[in-house]
C-alpha atoms as a PDB file:
ATOM      1  CA  MET A   1      -3.178  25.532   6.437  1.00  0.00           C
ATOM      2  CA  THR A   2      -1.390  22.306   5.338  1.00  0.00           C
ATOM      3  CA  LEU A   3       0.730  20.475   7.893  1.00  0.00           C
ATOM      4  CA  ARG A   4       3.781  18.843   6.321  1.00  0.00           C
ATOM      5  CA  ILE A   5       6.387  16.430   7.778  1.00  0.00           C
ATOM      6  CA  ALA A   6      10.005  16.711   6.268  1.00  0.00           C
ATOM      7  CA  PRO A   7      12.108  13.684   7.459  1.00  0.00           C
ATOM      8  CA  SER A   8      15.756  14.889   7.663  1.00  0.00           C
ATOM      9  CA  ILE A   9      18.277  12.450   6.106  1.00  0.00           C
ATOM     10  CA  LEU A  10      21.011  13.766   8.412  1.00  0.00           C
ATOM     11  CA  ALA A  11      19.948  11.159  10.944  1.00  0.00           C
ATOM     12  CA  ALA A  12      19.456   8.315   8.357  1.00  0.00           C
ATOM     13  CA  ASP A  13      21.747   5.541   7.735  1.00  0.00           C
ATOM     14  CA  PHE A  14      23.987   6.718   4.825  1.00  0.00           C
ATOM     15  CA  THR A  15      24.833   3.118   3.817  1.00  0.00           C
ATOM     16  CA  ALA A  16      21.061   2.563   3.070  1.00  0.00           C
ATOM     17  CA  LEU A  17      19.760   6.066   2.322  1.00  0.00           C
ATOM     18  CA  GLY A  18      17.531   5.020  -0.441  1.00  0.00           C
ATOM     19  CA  ASP A  19      15.767   2.418   1.835  1.00  0.00           C
ATOM     20  CA  ALA A  20      15.558   5.018   4.607  1.00  0.00           C
ATOM     21  CA  ILE A  21      13.873   7.382   2.237  1.00  0.00           C
ATOM     22  CA  ARG A  22      11.499   4.892   0.888  1.00  0.00           C
ATOM     23  CA  ALA A  23      10.477   4.017   4.448  1.00  0.00           C
ATOM     24  CA  ALA A  24       9.689   7.729   5.344  1.00  0.00           C
ATOM     25  CA  GLU A  25       7.794   8.105   1.961  1.00  0.00           C
ATOM     26  CA  ARG A  26       5.645   5.072   2.840  1.00  0.00           C
ATOM     27  CA  GLY A  27       4.737   6.620   6.073  1.00  0.00           C
ATOM     28  CA  GLY A  28       3.541   9.751   4.277  1.00  0.00           C
ATOM     29  CA  ALA A  29       6.421  12.247   4.298  1.00  0.00           C
ATOM     30  CA  ASP A  30       5.672  15.295   2.370  1.00  0.00           C
ATOM     31  CA  LEU A  31       9.151  16.364   1.769  1.00  0.00           C
ATOM     32  CA  ILE A  32      12.714  14.963   2.282  1.00  0.00           C
ATOM     33  CA  HIS A  33      14.906  17.748   4.094  1.00  0.00           C
ATOM     34  CA  VAL A  34      18.506  17.651   3.004  1.00  0.00           C
ATOM     35  CA  ASP A  35      21.053  19.508   5.185  1.00  0.00           C
ATOM     36  CA  VAL A  36      24.150  20.684   3.329  1.00  0.00           C
ATOM     37  CA  MET A  37      27.021  21.777   5.657  1.00  0.00           C
ATOM     38  CA  ASP A  38      30.356  23.051   4.784  1.00  0.00           C
ATOM     39  CA  GLY A  39      32.389  22.926   7.910  1.00  0.00           C
ATOM     40  CA  HIS A  40      32.685  26.791   7.993  1.00  0.00           C
ATOM     41  CA  PHE A  41      29.226  28.312   8.653  1.00  0.00           C
ATOM     42  CA  VAL A  42      28.544  25.242  10.968  1.00  0.00           C
ATOM     43  CA  PRO A  43      31.024  22.967  12.554  1.00  0.00           C
ATOM     44  CA  ASN A  44      30.213  19.847  10.496  1.00  0.00           C
ATOM     45  CA  ILE A  45      30.643  18.657   6.932  1.00  0.00           C
ATOM     46  CA  THR A  46      27.745  16.613   5.455  1.00  0.00           C
ATOM     47  CA  ILE A  47      26.679  16.315   1.670  1.00  0.00           C
ATOM     48  CA  GLY A  48      26.883  18.267  -1.433  1.00  0.00           C
ATOM     49  CA  VAL A  49      25.413  18.523  -5.053  1.00  0.00           C
ATOM     50  CA  PRO A  50      26.177  14.866  -6.178  1.00  0.00           C
ATOM     51  CA  VAL A  51      24.236  13.390  -3.320  1.00  0.00           C
ATOM     52  CA  VAL A  52      21.198  15.861  -4.040  1.00  0.00           C
ATOM     53  CA  ARG A  53      21.345  14.672  -7.678  1.00  0.00           C
ATOM     54  CA  SER A  54      21.346  11.010  -6.625  1.00  0.00           C
ATOM     55  CA  LEU A  55      18.386  11.674  -4.152  1.00  0.00           C
ATOM     56  CA  LYS A  56      16.460  13.102  -6.882  1.00  0.00           C
ATOM     57  CA  ARG A  57      16.507   9.863  -8.953  1.00  0.00           C
ATOM     58  CA  VAL A  58      14.812   8.033  -6.077  1.00  0.00           C
ATOM     59  CA  VAL A  59      12.470  10.292  -4.170  1.00  0.00           C
ATOM     60  CA  THR A  60       8.858  10.863  -5.145  1.00  0.00           C
ATOM     61  CA  VAL A  61       8.368  14.055  -2.978  1.00  0.00           C
ATOM     62  CA  PRO A  62      10.142  17.417  -3.147  1.00  0.00           C
ATOM     63  CA  LEU A  63      13.664  17.914  -1.904  1.00  0.00           C
ATOM     64  CA  ASP A  64      13.828  20.696   0.800  1.00  0.00           C
ATOM     65  CA  VAL A  65      17.486  21.699   0.683  1.00  0.00           C
ATOM     66  CA  HIS A  66      18.901  23.564   3.476  1.00  0.00           C
ATOM     67  CA  LEU A  67      22.105  25.314   2.639  1.00  0.00           C
ATOM     68  CA  MET A  68      24.159  25.697   6.064  1.00  0.00           C
ATOM     69  CA  ILE A  69      27.049  27.176   4.029  1.00  0.00           C
ATOM     70  CA  ALA A  70      29.143  30.344   4.143  1.00  0.00           C
ATOM     71  CA  ASP A  71      28.761  31.206   0.532  1.00  0.00           C
ATOM     72  CA  PRO A  72      25.392  29.853  -0.804  1.00  0.00           C
ATOM     73  CA  ASP A  73      25.351  32.250  -3.874  1.00  0.00           C
ATOM     74  CA  ARG A  74      28.115  30.213  -5.466  1.00  0.00           C
ATOM     75  CA  PHE A  75      25.992  27.069  -5.464  1.00  0.00           C
ATOM     76  CA  LEU A  76      22.378  28.017  -6.196  1.00  0.00           C
ATOM     77  CA  ASP A  77      22.489  26.946  -9.944  1.00  0.00           C
ATOM     78  CA  ALA A  78      24.271  23.692  -8.976  1.00  0.00           C
ATOM     79  CA  PHE A  79      21.519  22.615  -6.393  1.00  0.00           C
ATOM     80  CA  ALA A  80      18.819  23.737  -8.687  1.00  0.00           C
ATOM     81  CA  GLU A  81      20.091  21.719 -11.526  1.00  0.00           C
ATOM     82  CA  ALA A  82      20.634  18.710  -9.175  1.00  0.00           C
ATOM     83  CA  GLY A  83      16.881  18.601  -8.277  1.00  0.00           C
ATOM     84  CA  ALA A  84      16.232  20.791  -5.222  1.00  0.00           C
ATOM     85  CA  ALA A  85      12.546  22.069  -5.071  1.00  0.00           C
ATOM     86  CA  THR A  86      13.325  24.416  -2.182  1.00  0.00           C
ATOM     87  CA  LEU A  87      16.650  26.224  -1.365  1.00  0.00           C
ATOM     88  CA  ILE A  88      16.917  27.615   2.129  1.00  0.00           C
ATOM     89  CA  VAL A  89      19.683  30.145   2.886  1.00  0.00           C
ATOM     90  CA  HIS A  90      20.825  31.543   6.047  1.00  0.00           C
ATOM     91  CA  ALA A  91      20.193  35.367   6.835  1.00  0.00           C
ATOM     92  CA  GLU A  92      23.333  35.378   8.793  1.00  0.00           C
ATOM     93  CA  VAL A  93      25.854  34.909   5.726  1.00  0.00           C
ATOM     94  CA  LEU A  94      23.959  37.073   3.154  1.00  0.00           C
ATOM     95  CA  PRO A  95      24.400  40.833   2.994  1.00  0.00           C
ATOM     96  CA  HIS A  96      22.232  40.987  -0.148  1.00  0.00           C
ATOM     97  CA  LEU A  97      19.488  38.636   0.889  1.00  0.00           C
ATOM     98  CA  HIS A  98      16.691  40.228  -1.208  1.00  0.00           C
ATOM     99  CA  ARG A  99      18.984  39.617  -4.361  1.00  0.00           C
ATOM    100  CA  THR A 100      19.602  35.873  -3.411  1.00  0.00           C
ATOM    101  CA  LEU A 101      15.943  35.099  -2.892  1.00  0.00           C
ATOM    102  CA  THR A 102      15.009  36.856  -6.138  1.00  0.00           C
ATOM    103  CA  TYR A 103      17.384  34.772  -7.938  1.00  0.00           C
ATOM    104  CA  ILE A 104      16.238  31.395  -6.327  1.00  0.00           C
ATOM    105  CA  ARG A 105      12.722  32.253  -7.480  1.00  0.00           C
ATOM    106  CA  SER A 106      14.084  32.875 -11.044  1.00  0.00           C
ATOM    107  CA  LEU A 107      15.458  29.358 -11.017  1.00  0.00           C
ATOM    108  CA  GLY A 108      11.921  28.185 -10.571  1.00  0.00           C
ATOM    109  CA  LEU A 109      12.573  27.260  -7.118  1.00  0.00           C
ATOM    110  CA  ARG A 110      10.867  28.229  -3.742  1.00  0.00           C
ATOM    111  CA  ALA A 111      13.090  30.481  -1.889  1.00  0.00           C
ATOM    112  CA  GLY A 112      13.582  30.075   1.917  1.00  0.00           C
ATOM    113  CA  VAL A 113      15.293  31.885   4.715  1.00  0.00           C
ATOM    114  CA  ALA A 114      16.695  30.198   7.945  1.00  0.00           C
ATOM    115  CA  LEU A 115      17.201  31.959  11.271  1.00  0.00           C
ATOM    116  CA  ASN A 116      19.648  30.551  13.904  1.00  0.00           C
ATOM    117  CA  PRO A 117      18.562  30.697  17.472  1.00  0.00           C
ATOM    118  CA  SER A 118      20.417  33.779  18.411  1.00  0.00           C
ATOM    119  CA  THR A 119      19.085  35.716  15.109  1.00  0.00           C
ATOM    120  CA  PRO A 120      16.353  38.095  15.782  1.00  0.00           C
ATOM    121  CA  VAL A 121      13.140  37.926  13.778  1.00  0.00           C
ATOM    122  CA  VAL A 122      13.641  41.667  12.760  1.00  0.00           C
ATOM    123  CA  ALA A 123      16.406  40.305  10.260  1.00  0.00           C
ATOM    124  CA  LEU A 124      13.524  39.255   8.166  1.00  0.00           C
ATOM    125  CA  GLU A 125      11.561  42.478   8.237  1.00  0.00           C
ATOM    126  CA  GLU A 126      12.717  43.854   4.815  1.00  0.00           C
ATOM    127  CA  ILE A 127      12.207  40.683   3.020  1.00  0.00           C
ATOM    128  CA  ALA A 128       9.074  39.380   4.563  1.00  0.00           C
ATOM    129  CA  GLY A 129       6.958  39.879   1.424  1.00  0.00           C
ATOM    130  CA  ASN A 130       9.673  38.100  -0.870  1.00  0.00           C
ATOM    131  CA  VAL A 131      10.314  34.783   0.888  1.00  0.00           C
ATOM    132  CA  ASP A 132       8.284  31.413   0.299  1.00  0.00           C
ATOM    133  CA  GLN A 133       8.944  29.765   3.595  1.00  0.00           C
ATOM    134  CA  VAL A 134      11.044  30.637   6.797  1.00  0.00           C
ATOM    135  CA  LEU A 135      12.855  28.022   8.681  1.00  0.00           C
ATOM    136  CA  VAL A 136      13.183  28.652  12.389  1.00  0.00           C
ATOM    137  CA  MET A 137      16.172  26.845  13.780  1.00  0.00           C
ATOM    138  CA  SER A 138      15.148  25.304  17.367  1.00  0.00           C
ATOM    139  CA  VAL A 139      18.577  24.250  17.927  1.00  0.00           C
ATOM    140  CA  ASN A 140      22.246  25.597  16.840  1.00  0.00           C
ATOM    141  CA  PRO A 141      22.731  24.191  13.438  1.00  0.00           C
ATOM    142  CA  GLY A 142      25.433  21.693  12.745  1.00  0.00           C
ATOM    143  CA  PHE A 143      24.512  18.407  14.367  1.00  0.00           C
ATOM    144  CA  GLY A 144      21.333  16.243  14.837  1.00  0.00           C
ATOM    145  CA  GLY A 145      19.916  14.918  17.941  1.00  0.00           C
ATOM    146  CA  GLN A 146      20.057  18.224  19.816  1.00  0.00           C
ATOM    147  CA  THR A 147      17.639  19.463  22.725  1.00  0.00           C
ATOM    148  CA  PHE A 148      14.890  21.628  21.579  1.00  0.00           C
ATOM    149  CA  ILE A 149      15.305  25.396  22.570  1.00  0.00           C
ATOM    150  CA  ARG A 150      12.084  26.489  24.324  1.00  0.00           C
ATOM    151  CA  ARG A 151      12.524  30.028  23.256  1.00  0.00           C
ATOM    152  CA  SER A 152      11.873  28.925  19.690  1.00  0.00           C
ATOM    153  CA  ILE A 153       8.076  28.641  20.369  1.00  0.00           C
ATOM    154  CA  ALA A 154       7.718  32.518  20.930  1.00  0.00           C
ATOM    155  CA  LYS A 155      10.040  32.986  18.021  1.00  0.00           C
ATOM    156  CA  ILE A 156       7.708  31.140  15.693  1.00  0.00           C
ATOM    157  CA  ARG A 157       4.765  33.200  16.860  1.00  0.00           C
ATOM    158  CA  ALA A 158       6.807  36.410  16.177  1.00  0.00           C
ATOM    159  CA  VAL A 159       7.744  35.157  12.613  1.00  0.00           C
ATOM    160  CA  ARG A 160       4.159  34.431  11.935  1.00  0.00           C
ATOM    161  CA  GLY A 161       2.972  37.853  13.044  1.00  0.00           C
ATOM    162  CA  LEU A 162       5.598  39.343  10.633  1.00  0.00           C
ATOM    163  CA  LEU A 163       4.720  37.426   7.749  1.00  0.00           C
ATOM    164  CA  ASP A 164       0.837  38.132   8.304  1.00  0.00           C
ATOM    165  CA  ALA A 165       1.830  41.897   8.646  1.00  0.00           C
ATOM    166  CA  ALA A 166       3.522  41.776   5.212  1.00  0.00           C
ATOM    167  CA  GLY A 167       0.527  39.944   3.599  1.00  0.00           C
ATOM    168  CA  ASN A 168       2.454  36.795   3.000  1.00  0.00           C
ATOM    169  CA  ALA A 169       1.116  33.311   3.862  1.00  0.00           C
ATOM    170  CA  ALA A 170       4.271  31.621   3.513  1.00  0.00           C
ATOM    171  CA  PRO A 171       4.652  28.620   5.940  1.00  0.00           C
ATOM    172  CA  ILE A 172       6.978  28.533   8.863  1.00  0.00           C
ATOM    173  CA  GLU A 173       9.283  25.496   8.983  1.00  0.00           C
ATOM    174  CA  VAL A 174      10.866  24.414  12.254  1.00  0.00           C
ATOM    175  CA  ASP A 175      13.983  22.191  12.604  1.00  0.00           C
ATOM    176  CA  GLY A 176      15.569  20.884  15.776  1.00  0.00           C
ATOM    177  CA  GLY A 177      14.459  18.574  18.478  1.00  0.00           C
ATOM    178  CA  ILE A 178      11.070  17.991  16.981  1.00  0.00           C
ATOM    179  CA  ASP A 179       9.445  14.898  18.187  1.00  0.00           C
ATOM    180  CA  ARG A 180       6.078  13.690  19.396  1.00  0.00           C
ATOM    181  CA  ASP A 181       6.437  16.059  22.516  1.00  0.00           C
ATOM    182  CA  THR A 182       7.423  19.166  20.793  1.00  0.00           C
ATOM    183  CA  ALA A 183       5.422  18.902  17.474  1.00  0.00           C
ATOM    184  CA  PRO A 184       2.053  19.972  18.958  1.00  0.00           C
ATOM    185  CA  GLU A 185       3.717  22.947  20.627  1.00  0.00           C
ATOM    186  CA  VAL A 186       5.377  24.270  17.516  1.00  0.00           C
ATOM    187  CA  VAL A 187       2.338  23.710  15.367  1.00  0.00           C
ATOM    188  CA  ALA A 188       0.069  25.579  18.045  1.00  0.00           C
ATOM    189  CA  ALA A 189       2.568  28.457  17.609  1.00  0.00           C
ATOM    190  CA  GLY A 190       2.147  28.503  13.961  1.00  0.00           C
ATOM    191  CA  ALA A 191       4.640  25.964  12.318  1.00  0.00           C
ATOM    192  CA  GLU A 192       3.553  24.166   9.342  1.00  0.00           C
ATOM    193  CA  ILE A 193       6.428  22.324   8.062  1.00  0.00           C
ATOM    194  CA  LEU A 194       8.115  20.001  10.708  1.00  0.00           C
ATOM    195  CA  VAL A 195      11.765  18.831  10.177  1.00  0.00           C
ATOM    196  CA  ALA A 196      12.653  15.604  12.139  1.00  0.00           C
ATOM    197  CA  GLY A 197      15.546  13.359  11.978  1.00  0.00           C
ATOM    198  CA  SER A 198      16.153  11.386  15.040  1.00  0.00           C
ATOM    199  CA  ALA A 199      12.567  11.076  15.727  1.00  0.00           C
ATOM    200  CA  ILE A 200      11.960   9.343  12.491  1.00  0.00           C
ATOM    201  CA  PHE A 201      15.229   7.632  11.290  1.00  0.00           C
ATOM    202  CA  ARG A 202      16.509   6.582  14.601  1.00  0.00           C
ATOM    203  CA  THR A 203      13.601   4.318  15.347  1.00  0.00           C
ATOM    204  CA  ALA A 204      12.771   0.832  14.583  1.00  0.00           C
ATOM    205  CA  ASP A 205      10.123   1.710  12.081  1.00  0.00           C
ATOM    206  CA  PRO A 206      10.695   5.188  10.330  1.00  0.00           C
ATOM    207  CA  SER A 207       7.343   4.534   8.412  1.00  0.00           C
ATOM    208  CA  ALA A 208       5.242   4.411  11.762  1.00  0.00           C
ATOM    209  CA  ALA A 209       7.386   7.333  13.160  1.00  0.00           C
ATOM    210  CA  VAL A 210       6.259   9.450  10.374  1.00  0.00           C
ATOM    211  CA  ARG A 211       2.562   8.744  11.068  1.00  0.00           C
ATOM    212  CA  GLU A 212       2.949   9.173  14.709  1.00  0.00           C
ATOM    213  CA  LEU A 213       4.653  12.497  14.431  1.00  0.00           C
ATOM    214  CA  ARG A 214       1.915  13.735  12.010  1.00  0.00           C
ATOM    215  CA  ALA A 215      -0.746  12.582  14.464  1.00  0.00           C
ATOM    216  CA  ALA A 216       0.970  14.313  17.391  1.00  0.00           C
ATOM    217  CA  ALA A 217       1.501  17.486  15.313  1.00  0.00           C
ATOM    218  CA  THR A 218      -2.221  17.589  14.230  1.00  0.00           C
ATOM    219  CA  ALA A 219      -3.171  17.789  17.911  1.00  0.00           C
ATOM    220  CA  GLY A 220      -1.587  21.187  17.953  1.00  0.00           C
ATOM    221  CA  LEU A 221      -3.922  22.496  15.429  1.00  0.00           C
ATOM    222  CA  GLY A 222      -6.897  22.408  17.952  1.00  0.00           C
ATOM    223  CA  VAL A 223      -4.914  24.674  20.342  1.00  0.00           C
ATOM    224  CA  ARG A 224      -3.351  27.124  17.884  1.00  0.00           C
ATOM    225  CA  ARG A 225      -3.064  30.598  19.351  1.00  0.00           C
ATOM    226  CA  PRO A 226      -2.987  33.921  17.581  1.00  0.00           C
END
């Protein structure tokens, strides 16, 4: 498996976003995670297509775009054109999830599905073979800096089991409360992509924070459980 660190710009200083991203990349960031919020699906408003387009001009790693919005189908083409490498949509808002994932793939992008903390793993059952990654939310989405929900560890294991049963090696991503303490635990449970905002961008040295998070997460590989 390939362990990847995806710094979330939600916690970065938006007045110096380019500098923050370059610092994360110097530390070895594998992806840049972009949280798009609309004030409807989640109680916050963040950024949209123009910012993703601007980010694409400065990043050297793929953009992992998480659409926390009520009607993602309306914006798939726009975010693809802006430079997203992955589009992650929420199972909770899509009655035709299979169709949406198929369309994202037709755009040449990776298609991901996110599950809120209260959403059961069974929501993925019928599309487990059609997804390129699964994002397990380990906090309720909308705001950074929240406390990790411990039940998420068992949920990661359950998602891994479901994907494996479908013959799908798609990676599990986890977002919310990820730091040097929780990283080994989620990796041991089966997570491969770690989204971290505050643990990276709200430190004195984001480059060092990325390296330290990877080192902590790598320790979890040695205790991974089936």
